[in-house]
Amino acid sequence: LIGIANTLTLSIHERTRELGLLRAVGLSRSQLRAAIRWESVVVALFGTVLGLVVGLGFGWALVRALASEGFGSFVVPTDALVVITVLAAVAGVVAGLRPAWRAARLDILGAIATE
């Protein structure tokens, strides 16, 4: 949660001029907030999917390596994976609230003048 918020805050800081230009050509504050929230959801879901794939891969490899010790089956907990993915999307929205609010409050002329 903190990592996503930090990444978005730095991204907004680096793209201040671009965000100001978007606002200058007619993008509303609510549209800007929505775009940043969607960005945070995408970052959260990408990280979640990558983490699930790597975790399942390591789990499968561990079960296969320990097959001689009695670990013979690898079961994918699909219900838990769906819940984790939904929670990651919600966490992405929550993490993006403050950066989106800050980006929408940027002074348009000041943002455009930023280098």
PDB file of N, CA and C in Angstrom:
ATOM      1  N   LEU A   1       0.833  -1.190   0.000  1.00  0.00           N
ATOM      2  CA  LEU A   1       0.000   0.000   0.000  1.00  0.00           C
ATOM      3  C   LEU A   1       0.875   1.252   0.000  1.00  0.00           C
ATOM      4  N   ILE A   2       1.844   1.267   0.882  1.00  0.00           N
ATOM      5  CA  ILE A   2       2.739   2.422   0.962  1.00  0.00           C
ATOM      6  C   ILE A   2       3.608   2.504  -0.281  1.00  0.00           C
ATOM      7  N   GLY A   3       4.040   1.355  -0.784  1.00  0.00           N
ATOM      8  CA  GLY A   3       4.864   1.337  -1.987  1.00  0.00           C
ATOM      9  C   GLY A   3       4.133   1.887  -3.198  1.00  0.00           C
ATOM     10  N   ILE A   4       2.870   1.523  -3.351  1.00  0.00           N
ATOM     11  CA  ILE A   4       2.077   2.028  -4.476  1.00  0.00           C
ATOM     12  C   ILE A   4       1.882   3.528  -4.342  1.00  0.00           C
ATOM     13  N   ALA A   5       1.527   3.981  -3.145  1.00  0.00           N
ATOM     14  CA  ALA A   5       1.322   5.417  -2.931  1.00  0.00           C
ATOM     15  C   ALA A   5       2.610   6.193  -3.179  1.00  0.00           C
ATOM     16  N   ASN A   6       3.729   5.657  -2.726  1.00  0.00           N
ATOM     17  CA  ASN A   6       5.012   6.323  -2.935  1.00  0.00           C
ATOM     18  C   ASN A   6       5.355   6.377  -4.422  1.00  0.00           C
ATOM     19  N   THR A   7       5.151   5.289  -5.130  1.00  0.00           N
ATOM     20  CA  THR A   7       5.422   5.254  -6.569  1.00  0.00           C
ATOM     21  C   THR A   7       4.561   6.260  -7.309  1.00  0.00           C
ATOM     22  N   LEU A   8       3.292   6.327  -6.967  1.00  0.00           N
ATOM     23  CA  LEU A   8       2.396   7.273  -7.635  1.00  0.00           C
ATOM     24  C   LEU A   8       2.753   8.713  -7.301  1.00  0.00           C
ATOM     25  N   THR A   9       3.114   8.965  -6.059  1.00  0.00           N
ATOM     26  CA  THR A   9       3.498  10.325  -5.678  1.00  0.00           C
ATOM     27  C   THR A   9       4.722  10.780  -6.460  1.00  0.00           C
ATOM     28  N   LEU A  10       5.713   9.917  -6.579  1.00  0.00           N
ATOM     29  CA  LEU A  10       6.907  10.260  -7.360  1.00  0.00           C
ATOM     30  C   LEU A  10       6.571  10.408  -8.840  1.00  0.00           C
ATOM     31  N   SER A  11       5.692   9.561  -9.343  1.00  0.00           N
ATOM     32  CA  SER A  11       5.283   9.650 -10.745  1.00  0.00           C
ATOM     33  C   SER A  11       4.578  10.973 -11.025  1.00  0.00           C
ATOM     34  N   ILE A  12       3.728  11.389 -10.121  1.00  0.00           N
ATOM     35  CA  ILE A  12       3.016  12.660 -10.288  1.00  0.00           C
ATOM     36  C   ILE A  12       3.992  13.825 -10.203  1.00  0.00           C
ATOM     37  N   HIS A  13       4.946  13.721  -9.292  1.00  0.00           N
ATOM     38  CA  HIS A  13       5.948  14.783  -9.169  1.00  0.00           C
ATOM     39  C   HIS A  13       6.753  14.916 -10.464  1.00  0.00           C
ATOM     40  N   GLU A  14       7.126  13.789 -11.060  1.00  0.00           N
ATOM     41  CA  GLU A  14       7.904  13.814 -12.297  1.00  0.00           C
ATOM     42  C   GLU A  14       7.074  14.264 -13.496  1.00  0.00           C
ATOM     43  N   ARG A  15       5.770  14.032 -13.446  1.00  0.00           N
ATOM     44  CA  ARG A  15       4.905  14.377 -14.582  1.00  0.00           C
ATOM     45  C   ARG A  15       4.062  15.625 -14.331  1.00  0.00           C
ATOM     46  N   THR A  16       4.510  16.481 -13.448  1.00  0.00           N
ATOM     47  CA  THR A  16       3.741  17.677 -13.100  1.00  0.00           C
ATOM     48  C   THR A  16       3.418  18.509 -14.331  1.00  0.00           C
ATOM     49  N   ARG A  17       4.400  18.726 -15.175  1.00  0.00           N
ATOM     50  CA  ARG A  17       4.188  19.532 -16.383  1.00  0.00           C
ATOM     51  C   ARG A  17       3.154  18.871 -17.300  1.00  0.00           C
ATOM     52  N   GLU A  18       3.273  17.571 -17.513  1.00  0.00           N
ATOM     53  CA  GLU A  18       2.325  16.858 -18.370  1.00  0.00           C
ATOM     54  C   GLU A  18       0.908  16.939 -17.813  1.00  0.00           C
ATOM     55  N   LEU A  19       0.780  16.776 -16.507  1.00  0.00           N
ATOM     56  CA  LEU A  19      -0.543  16.843 -15.890  1.00  0.00           C
ATOM     57  C   LEU A  19      -1.126  18.246 -16.017  1.00  0.00           C
ATOM     58  N   GLY A  20      -0.275  19.259 -15.860  1.00  0.00           N
ATOM     59  CA  GLY A  20      -0.729  20.636 -16.051  1.00  0.00           C
ATOM     60  C   GLY A  20      -1.192  20.887 -17.473  1.00  0.00           C
ATOM     61  N   LEU A  21      -0.468  20.345 -18.445  1.00  0.00           N
ATOM     62  CA  LEU A  21      -0.874  20.505 -19.846  1.00  0.00           C
ATOM     63  C   LEU A  21      -2.199  19.807 -20.123  1.00  0.00           C
ATOM     64  N   LEU A  22      -2.384  18.637 -19.555  1.00  0.00           N
ATOM     65  CA  LEU A  22      -3.662  17.941 -19.728  1.00  0.00           C
ATOM     66  C   LEU A  22      -4.815  18.759 -19.151  1.00  0.00           C
ATOM     67  N   ARG A  23      -4.573  19.326 -17.974  1.00  0.00           N
ATOM     68  CA  ARG A  23      -5.617  20.168 -17.369  1.00  0.00           C
ATOM     69  C   ARG A  23      -5.863  21.409 -18.212  1.00  0.00           C
ATOM     70  N   ALA A  24      -4.797  21.967 -18.817  1.00  0.00           N
ATOM     71  CA  ALA A  24      -4.934  23.187 -19.618  1.00  0.00           C
ATOM     72  C   ALA A  24      -5.744  22.945 -20.889  1.00  0.00           C
ATOM     73  N   VAL A  25      -5.671  21.742 -21.430  1.00  0.00           N
ATOM     74  CA  VAL A  25      -6.420  21.466 -22.665  1.00  0.00           C
ATOM     75  C   VAL A  25      -7.813  20.911 -22.397  1.00  0.00           C
ATOM     76  N   GLY A  26      -8.224  20.887 -21.135  1.00  0.00           N
ATOM     77  CA  GLY A  26      -9.617  20.574 -20.851  1.00  0.00           C
ATOM     78  C   GLY A  26      -9.896  19.366 -19.986  1.00  0.00           C
ATOM     79  N   LEU A  27      -8.885  18.671 -19.519  1.00  0.00           N
ATOM     80  CA  LEU A  27      -9.121  17.528 -18.641  1.00  0.00           C
ATOM     81  C   LEU A  27      -9.620  18.047 -17.290  1.00  0.00           C
ATOM     82  N   SER A  28     -10.726  17.522 -16.828  1.00  0.00           N
ATOM     83  CA  SER A  28     -11.274  17.997 -15.555  1.00  0.00           C
ATOM     84  C   SER A  28     -10.531  17.354 -14.385  1.00  0.00           C
ATOM     85  N   ARG A  29     -10.729  17.933 -13.214  1.00  0.00           N
ATOM     86  CA  ARG A  29     -10.084  17.383 -12.015  1.00  0.00           C
ATOM     87  C   ARG A  29     -10.551  15.960 -11.751  1.00  0.00           C
ATOM     88  N   SER A  30     -11.831  15.713 -11.931  1.00  0.00           N
ATOM     89  CA  SER A  30     -12.343  14.359 -11.678  1.00  0.00           C
ATOM     90  C   SER A  30     -11.785  13.359 -12.689  1.00  0.00           C
ATOM     91  N   GLN A  31     -11.607  13.780 -13.929  1.00  0.00           N
ATOM     92  CA  GLN A  31     -11.013  12.886 -14.925  1.00  0.00           C
ATOM     93  C   GLN A  31      -9.557  12.583 -14.586  1.00  0.00           C
ATOM     94  N   LEU A  32      -8.835  13.576 -14.106  1.00  0.00           N
ATOM     95  CA  LEU A  32      -7.440  13.369 -13.712  1.00  0.00           C
ATOM     96  C   LEU A  32      -7.355  12.435 -12.510  1.00  0.00           C
ATOM     97  N   ARG A  33      -8.231  12.652 -11.530  1.00  0.00           N
ATOM     98  CA  ARG A  33      -8.253  11.761 -10.365  1.00  0.00           C
ATOM     99  C   ARG A  33      -8.559  10.330 -10.787  1.00  0.00           C
ATOM    100  N   ALA A  34      -9.521  10.165 -11.684  1.00  0.00           N
ATOM    101  CA  ALA A  34      -9.878   8.819 -12.149  1.00  0.00           C
ATOM    102  C   ALA A  34      -8.712   8.160 -12.881  1.00  0.00           C
ATOM    103  N   ALA A  35      -8.010   8.914 -13.703  1.00  0.00           N
ATOM    104  CA  ALA A  35      -6.872   8.353 -14.441  1.00  0.00           C
ATOM    105  C   ALA A  35      -5.784   7.876 -13.487  1.00  0.00           C
ATOM    106  N   ILE A  36      -5.531   8.648 -12.449  1.00  0.00           N
ATOM    107  CA  ILE A  36      -4.484   8.268 -11.498  1.00  0.00           C
ATOM    108  C   ILE A  36      -4.938   7.085 -10.648  1.00  0.00           C
ATOM    109  N   ARG A  37      -6.209   7.052 -10.297  1.00  0.00           N
ATOM    110  CA  ARG A  37      -6.715   5.884  -9.564  1.00  0.00           C
ATOM    111  C   ARG A  37      -6.596   4.622 -10.413  1.00  0.00           C
ATOM    112  N   TRP A  38      -6.926   4.720 -11.703  1.00  0.00           N
ATOM    113  CA  TRP A  38      -6.792   3.558 -12.588  1.00  0.00           C
ATOM    114  C   TRP A  38      -5.335   3.133 -12.700  1.00  0.00           C
ATOM    115  N   GLU A  39      -4.450   4.106 -12.750  1.00  0.00           N
ATOM    116  CA  GLU A  39      -3.018   3.792 -12.795  1.00  0.00           C
ATOM    117  C   GLU A  39      -2.607   3.018 -11.546  1.00  0.00           C
ATOM    118  N   SER A  40      -3.108   3.431 -10.391  1.00  0.00           N
ATOM    119  CA  SER A  40      -2.759   2.735  -9.153  1.00  0.00           C
ATOM    120  C   SER A  40      -3.328   1.320  -9.130  1.00  0.00           C
ATOM    121  N   VAL A  41      -4.527   1.136  -9.667  1.00  0.00           N
ATOM    122  CA  VAL A  41      -5.114  -0.205  -9.733  1.00  0.00           C
ATOM    123  C   VAL A  41      -4.286  -1.097 -10.654  1.00  0.00           C
ATOM    124  N   VAL A  42      -3.869  -0.560 -11.795  1.00  0.00           N
ATOM    125  CA  VAL A  42      -3.058  -1.342 -12.732  1.00  0.00           C
ATOM    126  C   VAL A  42      -1.733  -1.747 -12.087  1.00  0.00           C
ATOM    127  N   VAL A  43      -1.089  -0.816 -11.393  1.00  0.00           N
ATOM    128  CA  VAL A  43       0.179  -1.132 -10.716  1.00  0.00           C
ATOM    129  C   VAL A  43      -0.045  -2.218  -9.664  1.00  0.00           C
ATOM    130  N   ALA A  44      -1.110  -2.089  -8.876  1.00  0.00           N
ATOM    131  CA  ALA A  44      -1.395  -3.073  -7.830  1.00  0.00           C
ATOM    132  C   ALA A  44      -1.700  -4.442  -8.428  1.00  0.00           C
ATOM    133  N   LEU A  45      -2.512  -4.477  -9.478  1.00  0.00           N
ATOM    134  CA  LEU A  45      -2.861  -5.758 -10.083  1.00  0.00           C
ATOM    135  C   LEU A  45      -1.664  -6.398 -10.780  1.00  0.00           C
ATOM    136  N   PHE A  46      -0.840  -5.591 -11.436  1.00  0.00           N
ATOM    137  CA  PHE A  46       0.351  -6.138 -12.081  1.00  0.00           C
ATOM    138  C   PHE A  46       1.271  -6.766 -11.040  1.00  0.00           C
ATOM    139  N   GLY A  47       1.485  -6.069  -9.943  1.00  0.00           N
ATOM    140  CA  GLY A  47       2.316  -6.616  -8.874  1.00  0.00           C
ATOM    141  C   GLY A  47       1.713  -7.868  -8.265  1.00  0.00           C
ATOM    142  N   THR A  48       0.395  -7.880  -8.113  1.00  0.00           N
ATOM    143  CA  THR A  48      -0.285  -9.044  -7.545  1.00  0.00           C
ATOM    144  C   THR A  48      -0.159 -10.249  -8.461  1.00  0.00           C
ATOM    145  N   VAL A  49      -0.437 -10.050  -9.738  1.00  0.00           N
ATOM    146  CA  VAL A  49      -0.354 -11.164 -10.687  1.00  0.00           C
ATOM    147  C   VAL A  49       1.074 -11.695 -10.763  1.00  0.00           C
ATOM    148  N   LEU A  50       2.038 -10.797 -10.829  1.00  0.00           N
ATOM    149  CA  LEU A  50       3.436 -11.228 -10.868  1.00  0.00           C
ATOM    150  C   LEU A  50       3.801 -11.999  -9.598  1.00  0.00           C
ATOM    151  N   GLY A  51       3.371 -11.493  -8.450  1.00  0.00           N
ATOM    152  CA  GLY A  51       3.642 -12.179  -7.189  1.00  0.00           C
ATOM    153  C   GLY A  51       2.971 -13.537  -7.106  1.00  0.00           C
ATOM    154  N   LEU A  52       1.732 -13.626  -7.601  1.00  0.00           N
ATOM    155  CA  LEU A  52       1.033 -14.910  -7.581  1.00  0.00           C
ATOM    156  C   LEU A  52       1.704 -15.924  -8.498  1.00  0.00           C
ATOM    157  N   VAL A  53       2.108 -15.489  -9.681  1.00  0.00           N
ATOM    158  CA  VAL A  53       2.764 -16.405 -10.619  1.00  0.00           C
ATOM    159  C   VAL A  53       4.085 -16.910 -10.041  1.00  0.00           C
ATOM    160  N   VAL A  54       4.876 -16.003  -9.504  1.00  0.00           N
ATOM    161  CA  VAL A  54       6.163 -16.406  -8.917  1.00  0.00           C
ATOM    162  C   VAL A  54       5.931 -17.303  -7.697  1.00  0.00           C
ATOM    163  N   GLY A  55       4.979 -16.936  -6.850  1.00  0.00           N
ATOM    164  CA  GLY A  55       4.686 -17.739  -5.663  1.00  0.00           C
ATOM    165  C   GLY A  55       4.176 -19.127  -6.005  1.00  0.00           C
ATOM    166  N   LEU A  56       3.280 -19.205  -6.982  1.00  0.00           N
ATOM    167  CA  LEU A  56       2.786 -20.517  -7.401  1.00  0.00           C
ATOM    168  C   LEU A  56       3.902 -21.342  -8.034  1.00  0.00           C
ATOM    169  N   GLY A  57       4.761 -20.689  -8.794  1.00  0.00           N
ATOM    170  CA  GLY A  57       5.890 -21.407  -9.397  1.00  0.00           C
ATOM    171  C   GLY A  57       6.828 -21.975  -8.348  1.00  0.00           C
ATOM    172  N   PHE A  58       7.158 -21.160  -7.344  1.00  0.00           N
ATOM    173  CA  PHE A  58       8.021 -21.649  -6.266  1.00  0.00           C
ATOM    174  C   PHE A  58       7.321 -22.744  -5.457  1.00  0.00           C
ATOM    175  N   GLY A  59       6.018 -22.593  -5.228  1.00  0.00           N
ATOM    176  CA  GLY A  59       5.270 -23.623  -4.504  1.00  0.00           C
ATOM    177  C   GLY A  59       5.266 -24.945  -5.246  1.00  0.00           C
ATOM    178  N   TRP A  60       5.035 -24.869  -6.553  1.00  0.00           N
ATOM    179  CA  TRP A  60       5.050 -26.080  -7.372  1.00  0.00           C
ATOM    180  C   TRP A  60       6.433 -26.730  -7.343  1.00  0.00           C
ATOM    181  N   ALA A  61       7.485 -25.914  -7.470  1.00  0.00           N
ATOM    182  CA  ALA A  61       8.848 -26.448  -7.451  1.00  0.00           C
ATOM    183  C   ALA A  61       9.166 -27.088  -6.102  1.00  0.00           C
ATOM    184  N   LEU A  62       8.702 -26.473  -5.018  1.00  0.00           N
ATOM    185  CA  LEU A  62       8.948 -27.024  -3.688  1.00  0.00           C
ATOM    186  C   LEU A  62       8.226 -28.350  -3.505  1.00  0.00           C
ATOM    187  N   VAL A  63       6.974 -28.421  -3.927  1.00  0.00           N
ATOM    188  CA  VAL A  63       6.218 -29.670  -3.809  1.00  0.00           C
ATOM    189  C   VAL A  63       6.876 -30.757  -4.650  1.00  0.00           C
ATOM    190  N   ARG A  64       7.326 -30.392  -5.826  1.00  0.00           N
ATOM    191  CA  ARG A  64       7.990 -31.374  -6.699  1.00  0.00           C
ATOM    192  C   ARG A  64       9.316 -31.851  -6.081  1.00  0.00           C
ATOM    193  N   ALA A  65      10.062 -30.923  -5.493  1.00  0.00           N
ATOM    194  CA  ALA A  65      11.339 -31.296  -4.883  1.00  0.00           C
ATOM    195  C   ALA A  65      11.145 -32.172  -3.650  1.00  0.00           C
ATOM    196  N   LEU A  66      10.042 -31.962  -2.942  1.00  0.00           N
ATOM    197  CA  LEU A  66       9.780 -32.735  -1.722  1.00  0.00           C
ATOM    198  C   LEU A  66       8.813 -33.887  -1.952  1.00  0.00           C
ATOM    199  N   ALA A  67       8.627 -34.296  -3.191  1.00  0.00           N
ATOM    200  CA  ALA A  67       7.693 -35.382  -3.508  1.00  0.00           C
ATOM    201  C   ALA A  67       8.095 -36.675  -2.810  1.00  0.00           C
ATOM    202  N   SER A  68       9.376 -36.898  -2.659  1.00  0.00           N
ATOM    203  CA  SER A  68       9.835 -38.126  -2.002  1.00  0.00           C
ATOM    204  C   SER A  68       9.562 -38.110  -0.496  1.00  0.00           C
ATOM    205  N   GLU A  69       9.285 -36.929   0.058  1.00  0.00           N
ATOM    206  CA  GLU A  69       9.000 -36.804   1.493  1.00  0.00           C
ATOM    207  C   GLU A  69       7.508 -36.882   1.801  1.00  0.00           C
ATOM    208  N   GLY A  70       6.696 -37.118   0.799  1.00  0.00           N
ATOM    209  CA  GLY A  70       5.266 -37.256   1.025  1.00  0.00           C
ATOM    210  C   GLY A  70       4.430 -36.102   0.506  1.00  0.00           C
ATOM    211  N   PHE A  71       5.052 -35.089  -0.048  1.00  0.00           N
ATOM    212  CA  PHE A  71       4.316 -33.978  -0.646  1.00  0.00           C
ATOM    213  C   PHE A  71       4.074 -34.322  -2.112  1.00  0.00           C
ATOM    214  N   GLY A  72       2.962 -34.968  -2.396  1.00  0.00           N
ATOM    215  CA  GLY A  72       2.754 -35.480  -3.739  1.00  0.00           C
ATOM    216  C   GLY A  72       1.826 -34.663  -4.604  1.00  0.00           C
ATOM    217  N   SER A  73       1.045 -33.765  -4.018  1.00  0.00           N
ATOM    218  CA  SER A  73       0.081 -33.036  -4.853  1.00  0.00           C
ATOM    219  C   SER A  73       0.242 -31.531  -4.646  1.00  0.00           C
ATOM    220  N   PHE A  74       0.028 -30.836  -5.733  1.00  0.00           N
ATOM    221  CA  PHE A  74       0.086 -29.370  -5.709  1.00  0.00           C
ATOM    222  C   PHE A  74      -1.316 -28.861  -6.005  1.00  0.00           C
ATOM    223  N   VAL A  75      -1.919 -28.182  -5.045  1.00  0.00           N
ATOM    224  CA  VAL A  75      -3.287 -27.683  -5.184  1.00  0.00           C
ATOM    225  C   VAL A  75      -3.251 -26.163  -5.226  1.00  0.00           C
ATOM    226  N   VAL A  76      -3.890 -25.599  -6.242  1.00  0.00           N
ATOM    227  CA  VAL A  76      -3.956 -24.143  -6.374  1.00  0.00           C
ATOM    228  C   VAL A  76      -5.229 -23.664  -5.677  1.00  0.00           C
ATOM    229  N   PRO A  77      -5.109 -22.828  -4.647  1.00  0.00           N
ATOM    230  CA  PRO A  77      -6.291 -22.330  -3.927  1.00  0.00           C
ATOM    231  C   PRO A  77      -6.954 -21.178  -4.701  1.00  0.00           C
ATOM    232  N   THR A  78      -7.805 -21.511  -5.660  1.00  0.00           N
ATOM    233  CA  THR A  78      -8.374 -20.492  -6.543  1.00  0.00           C
ATOM    234  C   THR A  78      -9.217 -19.468  -5.789  1.00  0.00           C
ATOM    235  N   ASP A  79      -9.958 -19.908  -4.778  1.00  0.00           N
ATOM    236  CA  ASP A  79     -10.766 -18.954  -4.008  1.00  0.00           C
ATOM    237  C   ASP A  79      -9.884 -17.903  -3.345  1.00  0.00           C
ATOM    238  N   ALA A  80      -8.804 -18.350  -2.742  1.00  0.00           N
ATOM    239  CA  ALA A  80      -7.885 -17.414  -2.084  1.00  0.00           C
ATOM    240  C   ALA A  80      -7.225 -16.492  -3.104  1.00  0.00           C
ATOM    241  N   LEU A  81      -6.904 -17.005  -4.275  1.00  0.00           N
ATOM    242  CA  LEU A  81      -6.274 -16.177  -5.304  1.00  0.00           C
ATOM    243  C   LEU A  81      -7.220 -15.083  -5.794  1.00  0.00           C
ATOM    244  N   VAL A  82      -8.498 -15.415  -5.929  1.00  0.00           N
ATOM    245  CA  VAL A  82      -9.485 -14.413  -6.350  1.00  0.00           C
ATOM    246  C   VAL A  82      -9.632 -13.342  -5.278  1.00  0.00           C
ATOM    247  N   VAL A  83      -9.705 -13.753  -4.024  1.00  0.00           N
ATOM    248  CA  VAL A  83      -9.831 -12.792  -2.920  1.00  0.00           C
ATOM    249  C   VAL A  83      -8.602 -11.889  -2.863  1.00  0.00           C
ATOM    250  N   ILE A  84      -7.424 -12.458  -3.023  1.00  0.00           N
ATOM    251  CA  ILE A  84      -6.190 -11.665  -2.997  1.00  0.00           C
ATOM    252  C   ILE A  84      -6.176 -10.655  -4.135  1.00  0.00           C
ATOM    253  N   THR A  85      -6.614 -11.068  -5.319  1.00  0.00           N
ATOM    254  CA  THR A  85      -6.629 -10.166  -6.470  1.00  0.00           C
ATOM    255  C   THR A  85      -7.612  -9.021  -6.254  1.00  0.00           C
ATOM    256  N   VAL A  86      -8.785  -9.314  -5.717  1.00  0.00           N
ATOM    257  CA  VAL A  86      -9.775  -8.260  -5.447  1.00  0.00           C
ATOM    258  C   VAL A  86      -9.250  -7.310  -4.371  1.00  0.00           C
ATOM    259  N   LEU A  87      -8.649  -7.855  -3.328  1.00  0.00           N
ATOM    260  CA  LEU A  87      -8.081  -7.002  -2.277  1.00  0.00           C
ATOM    261  C   LEU A  87      -6.955  -6.127  -2.819  1.00  0.00           C
ATOM    262  N   ALA A  88      -6.184  -6.646  -3.757  1.00  0.00           N
ATOM    263  CA  ALA A  88      -5.116  -5.843  -4.366  1.00  0.00           C
ATOM    264  C   ALA A  88      -5.700  -4.684  -5.163  1.00  0.00           C
ATOM    265  N   ALA A  89      -6.799  -4.924  -5.876  1.00  0.00           N
ATOM    266  CA  ALA A  89      -7.441  -3.844  -6.627  1.00  0.00           C
ATOM    267  C   ALA A  89      -7.972  -2.776  -5.673  1.00  0.00           C
ATOM    268  N   VAL A  90      -8.588  -3.200  -4.584  1.00  0.00           N
ATOM    269  CA  VAL A  90      -9.089  -2.248  -3.588  1.00  0.00           C
ATOM    270  C   VAL A  90      -7.924  -1.486  -2.958  1.00  0.00           C
ATOM    271  N   ALA A  91      -6.843  -2.193  -2.660  1.00  0.00           N
ATOM    272  CA  ALA A  91      -5.661  -1.530  -2.100  1.00  0.00           C
ATOM    273  C   ALA A  91      -5.094  -0.520  -3.084  1.00  0.00           C
ATOM    274  N   GLY A  92      -5.142  -0.837  -4.368  1.00  0.00           N
ATOM    275  CA  GLY A  92      -4.683   0.108  -5.384  1.00  0.00           C
ATOM    276  C   GLY A  92      -5.503   1.377  -5.391  1.00  0.00           C
ATOM    277  N   VAL A  93      -6.814   1.235  -5.265  1.00  0.00           N
ATOM    278  CA  VAL A  93      -7.684   2.417  -5.220  1.00  0.00           C
ATOM    279  C   VAL A  93      -7.381   3.243  -3.976  1.00  0.00           C
ATOM    280  N   VAL A  94      -7.264   2.582  -2.836  1.00  0.00           N
ATOM    281  CA  VAL A  94      -6.990   3.296  -1.585  1.00  0.00           C
ATOM    282  C   VAL A  94      -5.632   3.992  -1.647  1.00  0.00           C
ATOM    283  N   ALA A  95      -4.628   3.298  -2.178  1.00  0.00           N
ATOM    284  CA  ALA A  95      -3.289   3.889  -2.268  1.00  0.00           C
ATOM    285  C   ALA A  95      -3.252   5.061  -3.232  1.00  0.00           C
ATOM    286  N   GLY A  96      -4.136   5.076  -4.206  1.00  0.00           N
ATOM    287  CA  GLY A  96      -4.141   6.151  -5.191  1.00  0.00           C
ATOM    288  C   GLY A  96      -4.967   7.361  -4.813  1.00  0.00           C
ATOM    289  N   LEU A  97      -5.694   7.306  -3.708  1.00  0.00           N
ATOM    290  CA  LEU A  97      -6.571   8.420  -3.340  1.00  0.00           C
ATOM    291  C   LEU A  97      -5.800   9.712  -3.087  1.00  0.00           C
ATOM    292  N   ARG A  98      -4.815   9.664  -2.229  1.00  0.00           N
ATOM    293  CA  ARG A  98      -4.072  10.895  -1.898  1.00  0.00           C
ATOM    294  C   ARG A  98      -3.268  11.426  -3.084  1.00  0.00           C
ATOM    295  N   PRO A  99      -2.498  10.592  -3.790  1.00  0.00           N
ATOM    296  CA  PRO A  99      -1.794  11.133  -4.960  1.00  0.00           C
ATOM    297  C   PRO A  99      -2.743  11.705  -6.012  1.00  0.00           C
ATOM    298  N   ALA A 100      -3.889  11.077  -6.202  1.00  0.00           N
ATOM    299  CA  ALA A 100      -4.859  11.587  -7.180  1.00  0.00           C
ATOM    300  C   ALA A 100      -5.416  12.929  -6.727  1.00  0.00           C
ATOM    301  N   TRP A 101      -5.701  13.051  -5.448  1.00  0.00           N
ATOM    302  CA  TRP A 101      -6.220  14.310  -4.910  1.00  0.00           C
ATOM    303  C   TRP A 101      -5.184  15.418  -5.071  1.00  0.00           C
ATOM    304  N   ARG A 102      -3.924  15.105  -4.771  1.00  0.00           N
ATOM    305  CA  ARG A 102      -2.860  16.113  -4.901  1.00  0.00           C
ATOM    306  C   ARG A 102      -2.666  16.526  -6.356  1.00  0.00           C
ATOM    307  N   ALA A 103      -2.736  15.578  -7.262  1.00  0.00           N
ATOM    308  CA  ALA A 103      -2.549  15.903  -8.680  1.00  0.00           C
ATOM    309  C   ALA A 103      -3.691  16.770  -9.189  1.00  0.00           C
ATOM    310  N   ALA A 104      -4.898  16.500  -8.733  1.00  0.00           N
ATOM    311  CA  ALA A 104      -6.051  17.277  -9.185  1.00  0.00           C
ATOM    312  C   ALA A 104      -6.020  18.701  -8.636  1.00  0.00           C
ATOM    313  N   ARG A 105      -5.319  18.926  -7.542  1.00  0.00           N
ATOM    314  CA  ARG A 105      -5.256  20.249  -6.931  1.00  0.00           C
ATOM    315  C   ARG A 105      -4.102  21.097  -7.460  1.00  0.00           C
ATOM    316  N   LEU A 106      -3.331  20.569  -8.414  1.00  0.00           N
ATOM    317  CA  LEU A 106      -2.203  21.327  -8.960  1.00  0.00           C
ATOM    318  C   LEU A 106      -2.675  22.616  -9.616  1.00  0.00           C
ATOM    319  N   ASP A 107      -1.913  23.671  -9.407  1.00  0.00           N
ATOM    320  CA  ASP A 107      -2.147  24.918 -10.116  1.00  0.00           C
ATOM    321  C   ASP A 107      -1.718  24.700 -11.569  1.00  0.00           C
ATOM    322  N   ILE A 108      -2.625  24.951 -12.502  1.00  0.00           N
ATOM    323  CA  ILE A 108      -2.358  24.636 -13.908  1.00  0.00           C
ATOM    324  C   ILE A 108      -1.153  25.405 -14.430  1.00  0.00           C
ATOM    325  N   LEU A 109      -1.124  26.714 -14.219  1.00  0.00           N
ATOM    326  CA  LEU A 109      -0.009  27.516 -14.741  1.00  0.00           C
ATOM    327  C   LEU A 109       1.306  27.167 -14.053  1.00  0.00           C
ATOM    328  N   GLY A 110       1.253  26.942 -12.758  1.00  0.00           N
ATOM    329  CA  GLY A 110       2.465  26.551 -12.038  1.00  0.00           C
ATOM    330  C   GLY A 110       2.984  25.193 -12.501  1.00  0.00           C
ATOM    331  N   ALA A 111       2.065  24.279 -12.784  1.00  0.00           N
ATOM    332  CA  ALA A 111       2.470  22.954 -13.254  1.00  0.00           C
ATOM    333  C   ALA A 111       3.100  23.025 -14.636  1.00  0.00           C
ATOM    334  N   ILE A 112       2.536  23.863 -15.501  1.00  0.00           N
ATOM    335  CA  ILE A 112       3.084  23.998 -16.855  1.00  0.00           C
ATOM    336  C   ILE A 112       4.470  24.629 -16.812  1.00  0.00           C
ATOM    337  N   ALA A 113       4.690  25.538 -15.887  1.00  0.00           N
ATOM    338  CA  ALA A 113       5.983  26.219 -15.780  1.00  0.00           C
ATOM    339  C   ALA A 113       7.066  25.332 -15.172  1.00  0.00           C
ATOM    340  N   THR A 114       6.682  24.208 -14.592  1.00  0.00           N
ATOM    341  CA  THR A 114       7.639  23.297 -13.965  1.00  0.00           C
ATOM    342  C   THR A 114       8.499  22.621 -15.027  1.00  0.00           C
ATOM    343  N   GLU A 115       9.790  22.525 -14.752  1.00  0.00           N
ATOM    344  CA  GLU A 115      10.702  21.846 -15.699  1.00  0.00           C
ATOM    345  C   GLU A 115      11.158  20.549 -15.132  1.00  0.00           C
TER     346      GLU A 115
END
